[in-house]
């Protein structure tokens, strides 16, 4: 059932930088999902915005965030700096915990491609803050040293035609000790551009987050 929701532009301080984001708030959100985009992408990613809309229709708040400032996004080293991206995610998580409209909401991370590595590292470094993680076509191998420390239930979604990434996710799944699941979407390539495949991703993510997120003070 679709819900009405409000969208607002926000700016989040992370050290010396200011990160632009879009915060989506249903009327009575059951949790909030922070998006970690892949390399070369940002809060305007049509795929992540599609997933975010599905989550909001399902009663979850969302934060689509540029993890790099515009000038930084041209620096390939920073684009693939998983430690830096995880730091930025954690700064955004702290902001959400203090923001009056989102405080008290349990947090989930949705990571795509390299963003999944950053999300899993952030989840391992601050386990008490994170209730669930979902990875779409992700590179969890980029967070390999942190994977055994992830406590949040983690769902890995990979396209059936994305062979190398399937292997990376299978290896990552073996390192995870938290509640975990790997779902391979038949016929989908890395970006889930095939008809119906992104809808499957969004539906799987919604089910996972609804199952594992709730108000901290419940």
N, C-alpha and C. Protein backbone atom coordinates (compact mmCIF):
# COMPACT_ATOMS: atom_id res chain seq x y z
N UNK A 1 0.84 -1.20 0.00
CA UNK A 1 0.00 0.00 0.00
C UNK A 1 0.87 1.25 0.00
N UNK A 2 0.63 2.15 -0.96
CA UNK A 2 1.43 3.34 -1.06
C UNK A 2 1.08 4.33 0.05
N UNK A 3 2.12 5.01 0.54
CA UNK A 3 1.93 6.02 1.56
C UNK A 3 2.29 7.39 1.01
N UNK A 4 1.71 8.41 1.62
CA UNK A 4 2.16 9.76 1.30
C UNK A 4 3.43 10.04 2.08
N UNK A 5 4.31 10.85 1.51
CA UNK A 5 5.56 11.14 2.20
C UNK A 5 6.06 12.51 1.77
N UNK A 6 6.92 13.07 2.62
CA UNK A 6 7.52 14.37 2.34
C UNK A 6 8.98 14.18 1.97
N UNK A 7 9.45 14.95 1.00
CA UNK A 7 10.86 14.94 0.61
C UNK A 7 11.47 16.30 0.96
N UNK A 8 12.65 16.27 1.53
CA UNK A 8 13.32 17.52 1.85
C UNK A 8 14.81 17.40 1.57
N UNK A 9 15.39 18.50 1.10
CA UNK A 9 16.82 18.56 0.87
C UNK A 9 17.52 18.84 2.19
N UNK A 10 18.62 18.12 2.44
CA UNK A 10 19.37 18.30 3.68
C UNK A 10 20.85 18.44 3.35
N UNK A 11 21.59 19.03 4.28
CA UNK A 11 23.04 19.13 4.17
C UNK A 11 23.65 18.58 5.45
N UNK A 12 24.57 17.66 5.30
CA UNK A 12 25.16 16.97 6.44
C UNK A 12 26.65 17.24 6.50
N UNK A 13 27.12 17.68 7.67
CA UNK A 13 28.55 17.94 7.84
C UNK A 13 29.27 16.63 8.12
N UNK A 14 30.39 16.42 7.41
CA UNK A 14 31.25 15.26 7.65
C UNK A 14 32.69 15.78 7.66
N UNK A 15 33.16 16.11 8.85
CA UNK A 15 34.47 16.77 8.93
C UNK A 15 34.38 18.15 8.33
N UNK A 16 35.25 18.41 7.34
CA UNK A 16 35.29 19.73 6.71
C UNK A 16 34.39 19.84 5.49
N UNK A 17 33.73 18.74 5.10
CA UNK A 17 32.92 18.78 3.90
C UNK A 17 31.44 18.83 4.26
N UNK A 18 30.64 19.23 3.29
CA UNK A 18 29.19 19.29 3.44
C UNK A 18 28.58 18.41 2.36
N UNK A 19 27.78 17.44 2.78
CA UNK A 19 27.22 16.46 1.87
C UNK A 19 25.75 16.76 1.63
N UNK A 20 25.34 16.73 0.36
CA UNK A 20 23.96 17.00 -0.02
C UNK A 20 23.15 15.72 -0.01
N UNK A 21 21.93 15.81 0.53
CA UNK A 21 21.09 14.63 0.60
C UNK A 21 19.62 14.95 0.39
N UNK A 22 18.85 13.92 0.10
CA UNK A 22 17.40 14.01 -0.02
C UNK A 22 16.78 13.06 0.99
N UNK A 23 16.05 13.62 1.94
CA UNK A 23 15.43 12.85 3.02
C UNK A 23 13.96 12.64 2.72
N UNK A 24 13.54 11.38 2.66
CA UNK A 24 12.14 11.06 2.40
C UNK A 24 11.48 10.50 3.66
N UNK A 25 10.37 11.10 4.06
CA UNK A 25 9.72 10.74 5.32
C UNK A 25 8.26 10.38 5.11
N UNK A 26 7.91 9.09 5.23
CA UNK A 26 6.49 8.72 5.28
C UNK A 26 5.87 9.26 6.57
N UNK A 27 4.56 9.15 6.67
CA UNK A 27 3.87 9.72 7.83
C UNK A 27 4.31 9.08 9.14
N UNK A 28 4.41 7.75 9.19
CA UNK A 28 4.82 7.06 10.41
C UNK A 28 5.88 6.01 10.06
N UNK A 29 7.11 6.45 9.81
CA UNK A 29 8.14 5.50 9.37
C UNK A 29 8.49 4.48 10.44
N UNK A 30 8.74 3.24 10.02
CA UNK A 30 9.11 2.18 10.95
C UNK A 30 10.62 2.06 11.08
N UNK A 31 11.36 2.75 10.25
CA UNK A 31 12.82 2.74 10.26
C UNK A 31 13.32 3.65 9.17
N UNK A 32 14.62 3.78 9.04
CA UNK A 32 15.18 4.62 7.99
C UNK A 32 16.32 3.90 7.31
N UNK A 33 16.41 4.06 5.99
CA UNK A 33 17.44 3.41 5.18
C UNK A 33 18.33 4.48 4.55
N UNK A 34 19.62 4.36 4.82
CA UNK A 34 20.63 5.27 4.28
C UNK A 34 21.30 4.59 3.10
N UNK A 35 21.31 5.27 1.96
CA UNK A 35 21.84 4.69 0.72
C UNK A 35 23.31 5.03 0.54
N UNK A 36 24.09 4.01 0.19
CA UNK A 36 25.51 4.18 -0.14
C UNK A 36 25.68 3.84 -1.61
N UNK A 37 25.91 4.85 -2.43
CA UNK A 37 25.94 4.67 -3.87
C UNK A 37 27.27 4.08 -4.32
N UNK A 38 27.24 3.51 -5.52
CA UNK A 38 28.45 2.95 -6.10
C UNK A 38 29.33 4.02 -6.72
N UNK A 39 30.49 3.61 -7.22
CA UNK A 39 31.45 4.53 -7.81
C UNK A 39 30.82 5.27 -8.99
N UNK A 40 31.07 6.57 -9.02
CA UNK A 40 30.57 7.39 -10.12
C UNK A 40 29.09 7.72 -10.02
N UNK A 41 28.45 7.37 -8.92
CA UNK A 41 27.03 7.63 -8.77
C UNK A 41 26.79 8.50 -7.54
N UNK A 42 25.54 8.92 -7.36
CA UNK A 42 25.20 9.78 -6.23
C UNK A 42 23.73 9.70 -5.93
N UNK A 43 23.22 10.70 -5.24
CA UNK A 43 21.85 10.64 -4.76
C UNK A 43 20.83 10.70 -5.90
N UNK A 44 21.25 11.12 -7.10
CA UNK A 44 20.33 11.18 -8.22
C UNK A 44 20.28 9.88 -9.02
N UNK A 45 20.97 8.85 -8.57
CA UNK A 45 20.95 7.55 -9.25
C UNK A 45 19.51 7.09 -9.47
N UNK A 46 19.09 6.89 -10.73
CA UNK A 46 17.70 6.48 -10.96
C UNK A 46 17.38 5.12 -10.35
N UNK A 47 18.36 4.22 -10.30
CA UNK A 47 18.10 2.90 -9.73
C UNK A 47 17.86 3.00 -8.23
N UNK A 48 18.73 3.75 -7.53
CA UNK A 48 18.54 3.86 -6.09
C UNK A 48 17.31 4.68 -5.74
N UNK A 49 16.97 5.66 -6.56
CA UNK A 49 15.77 6.44 -6.29
C UNK A 49 14.52 5.57 -6.49
N UNK A 50 14.58 4.65 -7.43
CA UNK A 50 13.47 3.72 -7.61
C UNK A 50 13.30 2.84 -6.38
N UNK A 51 14.41 2.29 -5.89
CA UNK A 51 14.36 1.46 -4.69
C UNK A 51 13.86 2.29 -3.50
N UNK A 52 14.37 3.53 -3.37
CA UNK A 52 13.95 4.39 -2.26
C UNK A 52 12.44 4.63 -2.29
N UNK A 53 11.90 4.84 -3.47
CA UNK A 53 10.45 5.08 -3.59
C UNK A 53 9.67 3.85 -3.12
N UNK A 54 10.15 2.66 -3.49
CA UNK A 54 9.49 1.44 -3.04
C UNK A 54 9.54 1.31 -1.52
N UNK A 55 10.70 1.64 -0.93
CA UNK A 55 10.83 1.56 0.52
C UNK A 55 9.91 2.55 1.21
N UNK A 56 9.82 3.77 0.66
CA UNK A 56 8.93 4.77 1.26
C UNK A 56 7.47 4.36 1.15
N UNK A 57 7.10 3.79 -0.01
CA UNK A 57 5.73 3.28 -0.16
C UNK A 57 5.44 2.20 0.87
N UNK A 58 6.49 1.49 1.29
CA UNK A 58 6.34 0.43 2.28
C UNK A 58 6.49 0.88 3.72
N UNK A 59 6.61 2.19 3.94
CA UNK A 59 6.62 2.71 5.30
C UNK A 59 7.99 2.98 5.90
N UNK A 60 9.03 3.01 5.07
CA UNK A 60 10.38 3.29 5.55
C UNK A 60 10.84 4.67 5.10
N UNK A 61 11.47 5.40 6.00
CA UNK A 61 12.12 6.65 5.60
C UNK A 61 13.41 6.33 4.86
N UNK A 62 13.87 7.25 4.02
CA UNK A 62 15.10 7.03 3.26
C UNK A 62 15.94 8.29 3.24
N UNK A 63 17.25 8.10 3.14
CA UNK A 63 18.17 9.22 2.93
C UNK A 63 19.09 8.85 1.77
N UNK A 64 18.90 9.56 0.66
CA UNK A 64 19.79 9.45 -0.50
C UNK A 64 20.83 10.55 -0.35
N UNK A 65 22.10 10.15 -0.32
CA UNK A 65 23.17 11.09 0.06
C UNK A 65 24.34 11.00 -0.91
N UNK A 66 24.86 12.16 -1.30
CA UNK A 66 26.13 12.20 -2.02
C UNK A 66 27.25 12.04 -1.01
N UNK A 67 27.99 10.94 -1.08
CA UNK A 67 29.06 10.71 -0.11
C UNK A 67 30.31 11.51 -0.42
N UNK A 68 30.36 12.10 -1.60
CA UNK A 68 31.47 12.98 -1.98
C UNK A 68 30.92 14.31 -2.44
N UNK A 69 31.64 15.39 -2.14
CA UNK A 69 31.30 16.68 -2.72
C UNK A 69 31.57 16.64 -4.22
N UNK A 70 30.99 17.57 -4.96
CA UNK A 70 31.12 17.56 -6.42
C UNK A 70 32.57 17.57 -6.87
N UNK A 71 33.40 18.38 -6.23
CA UNK A 71 34.81 18.44 -6.63
C UNK A 71 35.54 17.14 -6.30
N UNK A 72 35.11 16.45 -5.25
CA UNK A 72 35.75 15.21 -4.85
C UNK A 72 35.38 14.06 -5.79
N UNK A 73 34.20 14.14 -6.39
CA UNK A 73 33.72 13.03 -7.22
C UNK A 73 34.56 12.82 -8.47
N UNK A 74 35.42 13.79 -8.80
CA UNK A 74 36.30 13.66 -9.96
C UNK A 74 37.64 13.04 -9.58
N UNK A 75 37.85 12.79 -8.30
CA UNK A 75 39.08 12.19 -7.80
C UNK A 75 38.87 10.69 -7.68
N UNK A 76 39.45 9.92 -8.61
CA UNK A 76 39.21 8.48 -8.64
C UNK A 76 39.68 7.79 -7.37
N UNK A 77 40.71 8.34 -6.73
CA UNK A 77 41.18 7.73 -5.47
C UNK A 77 40.09 7.81 -4.41
N UNK A 78 39.42 8.96 -4.30
CA UNK A 78 38.37 9.10 -3.30
C UNK A 78 37.13 8.30 -3.65
N UNK A 79 36.86 8.17 -4.95
CA UNK A 79 35.70 7.39 -5.39
C UNK A 79 35.79 5.94 -4.89
N UNK A 80 37.03 5.41 -4.82
CA UNK A 80 37.22 4.03 -4.40
C UNK A 80 37.82 3.92 -2.99
N UNK A 81 37.80 5.02 -2.23
CA UNK A 81 38.34 5.02 -0.87
C UNK A 81 37.24 4.54 0.09
N UNK A 82 37.20 3.23 0.31
CA UNK A 82 36.13 2.64 1.11
C UNK A 82 36.17 3.14 2.55
N UNK A 83 37.37 3.36 3.09
CA UNK A 83 37.48 3.88 4.46
C UNK A 83 36.84 5.26 4.56
N UNK A 84 37.12 6.12 3.58
CA UNK A 84 36.55 7.47 3.58
C UNK A 84 35.03 7.41 3.44
N UNK A 85 34.54 6.58 2.53
CA UNK A 85 33.10 6.48 2.31
C UNK A 85 32.40 5.94 3.56
N UNK A 86 33.02 4.99 4.24
CA UNK A 86 32.44 4.48 5.48
C UNK A 86 32.40 5.56 6.55
N UNK A 87 33.46 6.38 6.63
CA UNK A 87 33.47 7.50 7.57
C UNK A 87 32.29 8.44 7.30
N UNK A 88 32.04 8.72 6.03
CA UNK A 88 30.95 9.63 5.66
C UNK A 88 29.58 9.03 6.01
N UNK A 89 29.44 7.72 5.77
CA UNK A 89 28.19 7.06 6.16
C UNK A 89 27.95 7.15 7.65
N UNK A 90 29.00 6.96 8.43
CA UNK A 90 28.86 7.01 9.88
C UNK A 90 28.52 8.42 10.35
N UNK A 91 29.06 9.43 9.67
CA UNK A 91 28.70 10.80 10.01
C UNK A 91 27.23 11.06 9.71
N UNK A 92 26.75 10.51 8.60
CA UNK A 92 25.33 10.67 8.26
C UNK A 92 24.45 9.90 9.25
N UNK A 93 24.90 8.73 9.68
CA UNK A 93 24.15 7.97 10.68
C UNK A 93 24.04 8.74 11.98
N UNK A 94 25.13 9.38 12.39
CA UNK A 94 25.10 10.21 13.60
C UNK A 94 24.11 11.35 13.44
N UNK A 95 24.09 11.97 12.26
CA UNK A 95 23.17 13.08 11.99
C UNK A 95 21.72 12.60 12.09
N UNK A 96 21.44 11.43 11.52
CA UNK A 96 20.08 10.89 11.58
C UNK A 96 19.66 10.60 13.02
N UNK A 97 20.61 10.15 13.84
CA UNK A 97 20.30 9.84 15.25
C UNK A 97 19.98 11.09 16.05
N UNK A 98 20.46 12.26 15.58
CA UNK A 98 20.22 13.52 16.29
C UNK A 98 19.10 14.34 15.68
N UNK A 99 18.75 14.06 14.45
CA UNK A 99 17.75 14.84 13.74
C UNK A 99 16.36 14.57 14.34
N UNK A 100 15.61 15.61 14.72
CA UNK A 100 14.33 15.39 15.40
C UNK A 100 13.34 14.53 14.62
N UNK A 101 13.38 14.57 13.30
CA UNK A 101 12.40 13.82 12.51
C UNK A 101 12.81 12.36 12.30
N UNK A 102 14.05 12.00 12.67
CA UNK A 102 14.50 10.62 12.44
C UNK A 102 15.09 9.96 13.68
N UNK A 103 15.30 10.72 14.75
CA UNK A 103 15.85 10.11 15.96
C UNK A 103 14.91 9.03 16.48
N UNK A 104 15.47 7.94 16.98
CA UNK A 104 14.66 6.84 17.47
C UNK A 104 14.31 5.81 16.42
N UNK A 105 14.60 6.13 15.14
CA UNK A 105 14.35 5.16 14.08
C UNK A 105 15.56 4.25 13.91
N UNK A 106 15.31 2.96 13.82
CA UNK A 106 16.39 2.01 13.59
C UNK A 106 16.92 2.20 12.17
N UNK A 107 18.23 2.07 12.02
CA UNK A 107 18.91 2.40 10.76
C UNK A 107 19.23 1.16 9.96
N UNK A 108 19.03 1.26 8.64
CA UNK A 108 19.51 0.25 7.71
C UNK A 108 20.37 0.90 6.65
N UNK A 109 21.29 0.13 6.09
CA UNK A 109 22.11 0.59 4.97
C UNK A 109 21.72 -0.17 3.71
N UNK A 110 21.60 0.55 2.59
CA UNK A 110 21.43 -0.06 1.29
C UNK A 110 22.63 0.35 0.45
N UNK A 111 23.48 -0.61 0.13
CA UNK A 111 24.71 -0.31 -0.60
C UNK A 111 24.70 -0.90 -1.99
N UNK A 112 25.14 -0.13 -2.98
CA UNK A 112 25.23 -0.60 -4.35
C UNK A 112 26.69 -0.57 -4.80
N UNK A 113 27.11 -1.64 -5.47
CA UNK A 113 28.47 -1.73 -6.01
C UNK A 113 29.50 -1.45 -4.91
N UNK A 114 30.41 -0.49 -5.12
CA UNK A 114 31.42 -0.20 -4.10
C UNK A 114 30.80 0.34 -2.82
N UNK A 115 29.62 0.95 -2.94
CA UNK A 115 28.94 1.47 -1.76
C UNK A 115 28.58 0.38 -0.77
N UNK A 116 28.42 -0.86 -1.26
CA UNK A 116 28.11 -1.97 -0.35
C UNK A 116 29.30 -2.26 0.56
N UNK A 117 30.51 -2.14 0.03
CA UNK A 117 31.69 -2.32 0.86
C UNK A 117 31.76 -1.28 1.96
N UNK A 118 31.44 -0.03 1.61
CA UNK A 118 31.45 1.04 2.60
C UNK A 118 30.36 0.81 3.65
N UNK A 119 29.18 0.37 3.21
CA UNK A 119 28.08 0.14 4.14
C UNK A 119 28.41 -0.97 5.12
N UNK A 120 29.01 -2.04 4.64
CA UNK A 120 29.36 -3.15 5.53
C UNK A 120 30.48 -2.77 6.50
N UNK A 121 31.44 -1.97 6.03
CA UNK A 121 32.47 -1.52 6.96
C UNK A 121 31.86 -0.63 8.04
N UNK A 122 30.98 0.29 7.64
CA UNK A 122 30.33 1.17 8.61
C UNK A 122 29.50 0.37 9.61
N UNK A 123 28.81 -0.66 9.11
CA UNK A 123 28.00 -1.50 10.00
C UNK A 123 28.87 -2.24 11.01
N UNK A 124 30.05 -2.67 10.58
CA UNK A 124 30.95 -3.39 11.49
C UNK A 124 31.56 -2.46 12.53
N UNK A 125 31.82 -1.21 12.14
CA UNK A 125 32.49 -0.27 13.04
C UNK A 125 31.55 0.33 14.08
N UNK A 126 30.25 0.36 13.80
CA UNK A 126 29.28 0.90 14.76
C UNK A 126 28.07 -0.03 14.81
N UNK A 127 28.26 -1.25 15.30
CA UNK A 127 27.20 -2.26 15.21
C UNK A 127 25.92 -1.91 15.95
N UNK A 128 26.02 -1.14 17.02
CA UNK A 128 24.83 -0.83 17.80
C UNK A 128 23.87 0.09 17.04
N UNK A 129 24.37 0.78 16.02
CA UNK A 129 23.54 1.76 15.31
C UNK A 129 22.76 1.14 14.16
N UNK A 130 23.12 -0.06 13.71
CA UNK A 130 22.63 -0.57 12.43
C UNK A 130 21.79 -1.83 12.64
N UNK A 131 20.59 -1.82 12.06
CA UNK A 131 19.69 -2.94 12.23
C UNK A 131 19.65 -3.90 11.07
N UNK A 132 20.09 -3.48 9.87
CA UNK A 132 20.05 -4.35 8.70
C UNK A 132 20.87 -3.73 7.58
N UNK A 133 21.37 -4.59 6.69
CA UNK A 133 22.13 -4.15 5.52
C UNK A 133 21.62 -4.92 4.30
N UNK A 134 21.46 -4.20 3.19
CA UNK A 134 21.15 -4.83 1.90
C UNK A 134 22.17 -4.36 0.88
N UNK A 135 22.68 -5.29 0.10
CA UNK A 135 23.67 -4.99 -0.94
C UNK A 135 23.08 -5.34 -2.30
N UNK A 136 23.15 -4.40 -3.26
CA UNK A 136 22.69 -4.65 -4.64
C UNK A 136 23.89 -4.67 -5.57
N UNK A 137 24.17 -5.82 -6.17
CA UNK A 137 25.30 -5.91 -7.08
C UNK A 137 26.56 -5.39 -6.41
N UNK A 138 26.72 -5.73 -5.14
CA UNK A 138 27.73 -5.09 -4.31
C UNK A 138 29.10 -5.72 -4.38
N UNK A 139 30.05 -4.97 -3.81
CA UNK A 139 31.43 -5.43 -3.67
C UNK A 139 31.74 -5.58 -2.18
N UNK A 140 31.12 -6.55 -1.50
CA UNK A 140 31.39 -6.74 -0.08
C UNK A 140 32.83 -7.17 0.18
N UNK A 141 33.49 -7.68 -0.86
CA UNK A 141 34.89 -8.07 -0.70
C UNK A 141 35.78 -6.90 -0.33
N UNK A 142 35.35 -5.69 -0.69
CA UNK A 142 36.13 -4.49 -0.36
C UNK A 142 36.14 -4.22 1.14
N UNK A 143 35.26 -4.87 1.87
CA UNK A 143 35.21 -4.74 3.33
C UNK A 143 35.59 -6.05 4.01
N UNK A 144 36.31 -6.91 3.30
CA UNK A 144 36.59 -8.27 3.79
C UNK A 144 37.10 -8.33 5.23
N UNK A 145 38.07 -7.48 5.64
CA UNK A 145 38.57 -7.58 7.02
C UNK A 145 37.50 -7.28 8.07
N UNK A 146 36.45 -6.56 7.68
CA UNK A 146 35.41 -6.16 8.63
C UNK A 146 34.23 -7.12 8.67
N UNK A 147 34.10 -7.98 7.67
CA UNK A 147 32.88 -8.79 7.54
C UNK A 147 32.59 -9.67 8.76
N UNK A 148 33.58 -10.30 9.40
CA UNK A 148 33.25 -11.12 10.57
C UNK A 148 32.68 -10.31 11.74
N UNK A 149 32.86 -8.99 11.72
CA UNK A 149 32.39 -8.14 12.81
C UNK A 149 31.02 -7.52 12.55
N UNK A 150 30.45 -7.77 11.37
CA UNK A 150 29.11 -7.25 11.07
C UNK A 150 28.08 -8.04 11.87
N UNK A 151 27.26 -7.35 12.64
CA UNK A 151 26.21 -7.99 13.43
C UNK A 151 24.84 -7.88 12.78
N UNK A 152 24.64 -6.85 11.97
CA UNK A 152 23.32 -6.59 11.38
C UNK A 152 22.97 -7.65 10.34
N UNK A 153 21.75 -8.16 10.35
CA UNK A 153 21.32 -9.10 9.31
C UNK A 153 21.58 -8.52 7.92
N UNK A 154 22.21 -9.31 7.07
CA UNK A 154 22.71 -8.80 5.79
C UNK A 154 22.17 -9.62 4.63
N UNK A 155 21.58 -8.92 3.66
CA UNK A 155 21.07 -9.54 2.44
C UNK A 155 21.92 -9.10 1.26
N UNK A 156 22.47 -10.07 0.54
CA UNK A 156 23.28 -9.81 -0.65
C UNK A 156 22.46 -10.19 -1.88
N UNK A 157 22.24 -9.22 -2.78
CA UNK A 157 21.46 -9.47 -4.00
C UNK A 157 22.40 -9.29 -5.20
N UNK A 158 22.45 -10.29 -6.06
CA UNK A 158 23.36 -10.26 -7.21
C UNK A 158 22.61 -10.74 -8.44
N UNK A 159 22.95 -10.16 -9.59
CA UNK A 159 22.35 -10.60 -10.85
C UNK A 159 22.91 -11.94 -11.29
N UNK A 160 22.04 -12.78 -11.85
CA UNK A 160 22.44 -14.11 -12.27
C UNK A 160 23.44 -14.12 -13.41
N UNK A 161 23.55 -12.99 -14.15
CA UNK A 161 24.49 -12.89 -15.26
C UNK A 161 25.73 -12.09 -14.86
N UNK A 162 25.92 -11.87 -13.58
CA UNK A 162 27.05 -11.06 -13.08
C UNK A 162 28.07 -11.98 -12.42
N UNK A 163 28.66 -12.87 -13.23
CA UNK A 163 29.50 -13.96 -12.74
C UNK A 163 30.57 -13.59 -11.74
N UNK A 164 31.48 -12.66 -12.06
CA UNK A 164 32.54 -12.31 -11.11
C UNK A 164 32.01 -11.80 -9.78
N UNK A 165 30.93 -11.02 -9.82
CA UNK A 165 30.37 -10.45 -8.59
C UNK A 165 29.66 -11.54 -7.77
N UNK A 166 29.09 -12.54 -8.46
CA UNK A 166 28.50 -13.67 -7.73
C UNK A 166 29.57 -14.34 -6.88
N UNK A 167 30.73 -14.58 -7.47
CA UNK A 167 31.81 -15.25 -6.73
C UNK A 167 32.28 -14.40 -5.55
N UNK A 168 32.40 -13.09 -5.77
CA UNK A 168 32.80 -12.19 -4.68
C UNK A 168 31.81 -12.24 -3.53
N UNK A 169 30.52 -12.30 -3.87
CA UNK A 169 29.49 -12.32 -2.83
C UNK A 169 29.43 -13.66 -2.13
N UNK A 170 29.68 -14.73 -2.85
CA UNK A 170 29.72 -16.05 -2.19
C UNK A 170 30.86 -16.12 -1.18
N UNK A 171 32.01 -15.55 -1.56
CA UNK A 171 33.15 -15.54 -0.64
C UNK A 171 32.86 -14.65 0.57
N UNK A 172 32.20 -13.51 0.33
CA UNK A 172 31.84 -12.62 1.43
C UNK A 172 30.83 -13.27 2.36
N UNK A 173 29.88 -13.98 1.79
CA UNK A 173 28.86 -14.65 2.60
C UNK A 173 29.51 -15.61 3.59
N UNK A 174 30.56 -16.28 3.16
CA UNK A 174 31.24 -17.23 4.03
C UNK A 174 31.94 -16.53 5.20
N UNK A 175 32.33 -15.26 5.00
CA UNK A 175 33.01 -14.51 6.06
C UNK A 175 32.03 -13.90 7.05
N UNK A 176 30.81 -13.65 6.62
CA UNK A 176 29.81 -13.05 7.50
C UNK A 176 29.36 -14.05 8.55
N UNK A 177 29.26 -13.61 9.79
CA UNK A 177 28.78 -14.46 10.88
C UNK A 177 27.40 -14.04 11.39
N UNK A 178 26.87 -12.95 10.85
CA UNK A 178 25.55 -12.45 11.23
C UNK A 178 24.47 -13.24 10.49
N UNK A 179 23.19 -13.04 10.83
CA UNK A 179 22.13 -13.60 9.98
C UNK A 179 22.32 -13.08 8.55
N UNK A 180 22.27 -13.95 7.58
CA UNK A 180 22.69 -13.57 6.23
C UNK A 180 21.96 -14.38 5.18
N UNK A 181 21.90 -13.80 3.96
CA UNK A 181 21.25 -14.49 2.85
C UNK A 181 21.80 -13.93 1.55
N UNK A 182 22.01 -14.79 0.58
CA UNK A 182 22.41 -14.41 -0.77
C UNK A 182 21.29 -14.77 -1.72
N UNK A 183 20.81 -13.78 -2.47
CA UNK A 183 19.76 -14.02 -3.48
C UNK A 183 20.32 -13.67 -4.85
N UNK A 184 20.23 -14.60 -5.77
CA UNK A 184 20.67 -14.38 -7.15
C UNK A 184 19.43 -14.20 -8.02
N UNK A 185 19.33 -13.04 -8.68
CA UNK A 185 18.17 -12.72 -9.51
C UNK A 185 18.42 -13.23 -10.93
N UNK A 186 17.66 -14.23 -11.37
CA UNK A 186 17.91 -14.82 -12.69
C UNK A 186 17.81 -13.80 -13.83
N UNK A 187 18.75 -13.88 -14.77
CA UNK A 187 18.70 -13.04 -15.96
C UNK A 187 19.17 -11.62 -15.79
N UNK A 188 19.55 -11.23 -14.57
CA UNK A 188 19.94 -9.83 -14.32
C UNK A 188 21.44 -9.67 -14.48
N UNK A 189 21.85 -8.56 -15.09
CA UNK A 189 23.25 -8.19 -15.16
C UNK A 189 23.58 -7.23 -14.01
N UNK A 190 24.77 -6.65 -14.03
CA UNK A 190 25.26 -5.90 -12.87
C UNK A 190 24.35 -4.76 -12.45
N UNK A 191 23.78 -4.03 -13.41
CA UNK A 191 22.98 -2.85 -13.09
C UNK A 191 21.48 -3.15 -12.99
N UNK A 192 21.09 -4.40 -13.14
CA UNK A 192 19.68 -4.79 -13.06
C UNK A 192 18.82 -3.95 -14.00
N UNK A 193 19.29 -3.86 -15.25
CA UNK A 193 18.59 -3.06 -16.26
C UNK A 193 17.50 -3.86 -16.99
N UNK A 194 17.50 -5.18 -16.82
CA UNK A 194 16.55 -6.02 -17.52
C UNK A 194 15.15 -5.84 -16.93
N UNK A 195 14.11 -5.94 -17.76
CA UNK A 195 12.74 -5.70 -17.29
C UNK A 195 12.39 -6.55 -16.07
N UNK A 196 11.89 -5.88 -15.04
CA UNK A 196 11.42 -6.56 -13.84
C UNK A 196 12.47 -6.88 -12.81
N UNK A 197 13.75 -6.78 -13.16
CA UNK A 197 14.78 -7.21 -12.21
C UNK A 197 14.99 -6.20 -11.09
N UNK A 198 14.93 -4.91 -11.40
CA UNK A 198 15.09 -3.91 -10.35
C UNK A 198 13.89 -3.94 -9.40
N UNK A 199 12.72 -4.24 -9.94
CA UNK A 199 11.54 -4.40 -9.09
C UNK A 199 11.75 -5.54 -8.10
N UNK A 200 12.40 -6.61 -8.54
CA UNK A 200 12.69 -7.71 -7.62
C UNK A 200 13.64 -7.27 -6.52
N UNK A 201 14.65 -6.50 -6.88
CA UNK A 201 15.60 -5.97 -5.88
C UNK A 201 14.85 -5.14 -4.85
N UNK A 202 14.01 -4.21 -5.33
CA UNK A 202 13.29 -3.33 -4.42
C UNK A 202 12.37 -4.11 -3.49
N UNK A 203 11.70 -5.12 -4.02
CA UNK A 203 10.79 -5.94 -3.21
C UNK A 203 11.56 -6.73 -2.16
N UNK A 204 12.69 -7.33 -2.55
CA UNK A 204 13.51 -8.08 -1.60
C UNK A 204 14.05 -7.17 -0.50
N UNK A 205 14.50 -5.97 -0.89
CA UNK A 205 15.02 -5.02 0.10
C UNK A 205 13.93 -4.59 1.08
N UNK A 206 12.74 -4.31 0.56
CA UNK A 206 11.64 -3.89 1.43
C UNK A 206 11.30 -4.98 2.44
N UNK A 207 11.22 -6.22 1.98
CA UNK A 207 10.91 -7.32 2.89
C UNK A 207 11.98 -7.46 3.97
N UNK A 208 13.24 -7.33 3.58
CA UNK A 208 14.34 -7.50 4.53
C UNK A 208 14.34 -6.40 5.58
N UNK A 209 14.19 -5.16 5.12
CA UNK A 209 14.20 -4.05 6.07
C UNK A 209 12.97 -4.06 6.97
N UNK A 210 11.82 -4.39 6.43
CA UNK A 210 10.62 -4.44 7.27
C UNK A 210 10.75 -5.53 8.34
N UNK A 211 11.43 -6.60 8.00
CA UNK A 211 11.61 -7.70 8.95
C UNK A 211 12.56 -7.32 10.08
N UNK A 212 13.57 -6.52 9.77
CA UNK A 212 14.66 -6.33 10.73
C UNK A 212 14.74 -4.93 11.34
N UNK A 213 13.99 -3.97 10.82
CA UNK A 213 14.07 -2.62 11.39
C UNK A 213 12.84 -2.33 12.22
N UNK A 214 13.01 -1.56 13.25
CA UNK A 214 11.90 -1.10 14.08
C UNK A 214 12.42 0.01 14.97
N UNK A 215 11.55 0.63 15.68
CA UNK A 215 11.97 1.73 16.56
C UNK A 215 12.87 1.19 17.68
N UNK A 216 13.94 1.93 17.95
CA UNK A 216 14.88 1.55 18.99
C UNK A 216 14.18 1.41 20.34
N UNK A 217 13.20 2.26 20.60
CA UNK A 217 12.56 2.27 21.91
C UNK A 217 11.31 1.39 21.97
N UNK A 218 11.08 0.54 20.95
CA UNK A 218 9.96 -0.37 21.00
C UNK A 218 10.13 -1.40 22.13
